[in-house]
């Protein structure tokens, strides 16, 4: 009878340990995912903006959030290099959008940055 409880205790301990490790992994990339989502929303608002000044203001906000997402992708708890690559591409496209002189060019680059930030979001769940 004692062995039965002993094995149940060991099994329960292992299960809790595995769940804690998995939870740590998800939480490690959680901030990267959060910032990537906020960046996506800001890029989308910039894409829909009516004026060049409004769009550039939103782009600056989106770029800050994308840089944060990029930083969180390489912390040891996340370690997601593909997401980091997508985030850096979003920053590159966002910077090109900021340098645009007209709204059409800005929207073209903003759309690419928006797509890259969405790629960050879709890549993070596959990180190991």
Protein backbone atom coordinates (compact mmCIF):
# COMPACT_ATOMS: atom_id res chain seq x y z
CA UNK A 1 0.00 0.00 0.00
CA UNK A 2 2.86 2.38 0.82
CA UNK A 3 4.43 1.70 -2.57
CA UNK A 4 1.23 2.69 -4.30
CA UNK A 5 1.24 6.11 -2.63
CA UNK A 6 4.97 6.47 -3.20
CA UNK A 7 4.59 5.90 -6.97
CA UNK A 8 1.57 8.21 -7.12
CA UNK A 9 3.63 10.90 -5.38
CA UNK A 10 6.53 10.44 -7.82
CA UNK A 11 4.19 10.55 -10.81
CA UNK A 12 2.47 13.67 -9.52
CA UNK A 13 5.84 15.35 -8.87
CA UNK A 14 7.06 14.60 -12.38
CA UNK A 15 3.84 15.88 -13.91
CA UNK A 16 4.04 19.14 -11.95
CA UNK A 17 7.69 19.55 -12.88
CA UNK A 18 6.99 19.10 -16.59
CA UNK A 19 4.06 21.51 -16.45
CA UNK A 20 6.21 24.13 -14.71
CA UNK A 21 8.92 23.81 -17.36
CA UNK A 22 6.38 24.15 -20.18
CA UNK A 23 4.78 27.13 -18.47
CA UNK A 24 8.20 28.78 -18.15
CA UNK A 25 8.82 28.28 -21.88
CA UNK A 26 5.49 29.85 -22.87
CA UNK A 27 5.99 32.76 -20.48
CA UNK A 28 9.50 33.32 -21.82
CA UNK A 29 8.16 34.12 -25.28
CA UNK A 30 5.01 35.71 -23.95
CA UNK A 31 6.45 39.21 -23.86
CA UNK A 32 7.84 38.84 -27.39
CA UNK A 33 4.39 37.80 -28.55
CA UNK A 34 2.72 40.68 -26.71
CA UNK A 35 5.04 43.29 -28.19
CA UNK A 36 4.75 41.78 -31.66
CA UNK A 37 0.97 41.97 -31.42
CA UNK A 38 1.08 45.60 -30.27
CA UNK A 39 3.49 46.38 -33.12
CA UNK A 40 1.16 44.72 -35.62
CA UNK A 41 -1.74 46.85 -34.39
CA UNK A 42 0.33 50.05 -34.63
CA UNK A 43 1.57 49.14 -38.13
CA UNK A 44 -2.03 48.50 -39.16
CA UNK A 45 -3.13 51.89 -37.83
CA UNK A 46 -0.24 53.54 -39.69
CA UNK A 47 -1.28 51.73 -42.87
CA UNK A 48 -4.82 53.07 -42.51
CA UNK A 49 -3.74 56.62 -41.58
CA UNK A 50 -5.05 59.47 -43.70
CA UNK A 51 -2.03 61.76 -43.42
CA UNK A 52 1.71 61.30 -43.70
CA UNK A 53 2.34 62.89 -40.29
CA UNK A 54 -0.14 60.63 -38.51
CA UNK A 55 1.27 57.57 -40.21
CA UNK A 56 4.85 58.45 -39.28
CA UNK A 57 3.88 59.02 -35.67
CA UNK A 58 2.25 55.59 -35.54
CA UNK A 59 5.23 54.04 -37.31
CA UNK A 60 7.61 55.33 -34.64
CA UNK A 61 5.40 53.73 -32.00
CA UNK A 62 5.29 50.45 -33.95
CA UNK A 63 9.05 50.41 -34.41
CA UNK A 64 9.63 50.77 -30.67
CA UNK A 65 7.34 47.84 -29.99
CA UNK A 66 8.97 45.75 -32.70
CA UNK A 67 12.40 46.38 -31.22
CA UNK A 68 11.09 45.25 -27.83
CA UNK A 69 9.66 42.09 -29.40
CA UNK A 70 13.00 41.47 -31.06
CA UNK A 71 14.83 41.78 -27.76
CA UNK A 72 12.49 39.35 -26.00
CA UNK A 73 12.90 36.71 -28.72
CA UNK A 74 16.51 36.06 -27.78
CA UNK A 75 16.26 35.83 -24.02
CA UNK A 76 17.20 32.34 -22.79
CA UNK A 77 13.61 31.45 -21.84
CA UNK A 78 12.46 32.06 -25.42
CA UNK A 79 15.47 31.73 -27.73
CA UNK A 80 13.55 32.07 -30.99
CA UNK A 81 15.94 33.13 -33.73
CA UNK A 82 13.37 32.90 -36.55
CA UNK A 83 11.11 35.33 -34.71
CA UNK A 84 14.12 37.59 -34.13
CA UNK A 85 14.82 37.58 -37.87
CA UNK A 86 11.22 38.50 -38.71
CA UNK A 87 11.24 41.26 -36.11
CA UNK A 88 14.43 42.74 -37.54
CA UNK A 89 12.90 42.64 -41.03
CA UNK A 90 9.88 44.50 -39.66
CA UNK A 91 12.22 47.14 -38.23
CA UNK A 92 13.99 47.45 -41.60
CA UNK A 93 10.73 47.87 -43.51
CA UNK A 94 9.40 50.26 -40.86
CA UNK A 95 12.49 52.45 -41.19
CA UNK A 96 12.06 52.52 -44.97
CA UNK A 97 8.45 53.55 -44.44
CA UNK A 98 9.56 56.37 -42.13
CA UNK A 99 11.86 57.70 -44.85
CA UNK A 100 9.06 57.77 -47.42
CA UNK A 101 8.14 61.13 -48.86
CA UNK A 102 4.62 60.19 -49.91
CA UNK A 103 1.75 58.25 -48.36
CA UNK A 104 1.63 55.56 -51.06
CA UNK A 105 5.28 54.61 -50.59
CA UNK A 106 4.85 54.71 -46.83
CA UNK A 107 1.88 52.33 -47.05
CA UNK A 108 3.82 49.92 -49.25
CA UNK A 109 6.64 49.59 -46.70
CA UNK A 110 4.26 49.64 -43.75
CA UNK A 111 2.34 46.70 -45.21
CA UNK A 112 5.58 44.71 -45.42
CA UNK A 113 6.46 45.61 -41.83
CA UNK A 114 2.96 44.64 -40.73
CA UNK A 115 3.34 41.26 -42.44
CA UNK A 116 6.70 40.67 -40.76
CA UNK A 117 5.27 41.44 -37.32
CA UNK A 118 2.49 38.94 -38.05
CA UNK A 119 5.18 36.41 -38.96
CA UNK A 120 6.76 36.97 -35.54
CA UNK A 121 3.43 36.09 -33.95
CA UNK A 122 3.00 32.93 -35.98
CA UNK A 123 6.58 31.77 -35.44
CA UNK A 124 6.73 32.10 -31.64
CA UNK A 125 4.48 29.10 -30.83
CA UNK A 126 6.89 26.88 -32.80
CA UNK A 127 9.96 27.96 -30.85
CA UNK A 128 11.78 25.41 -28.77
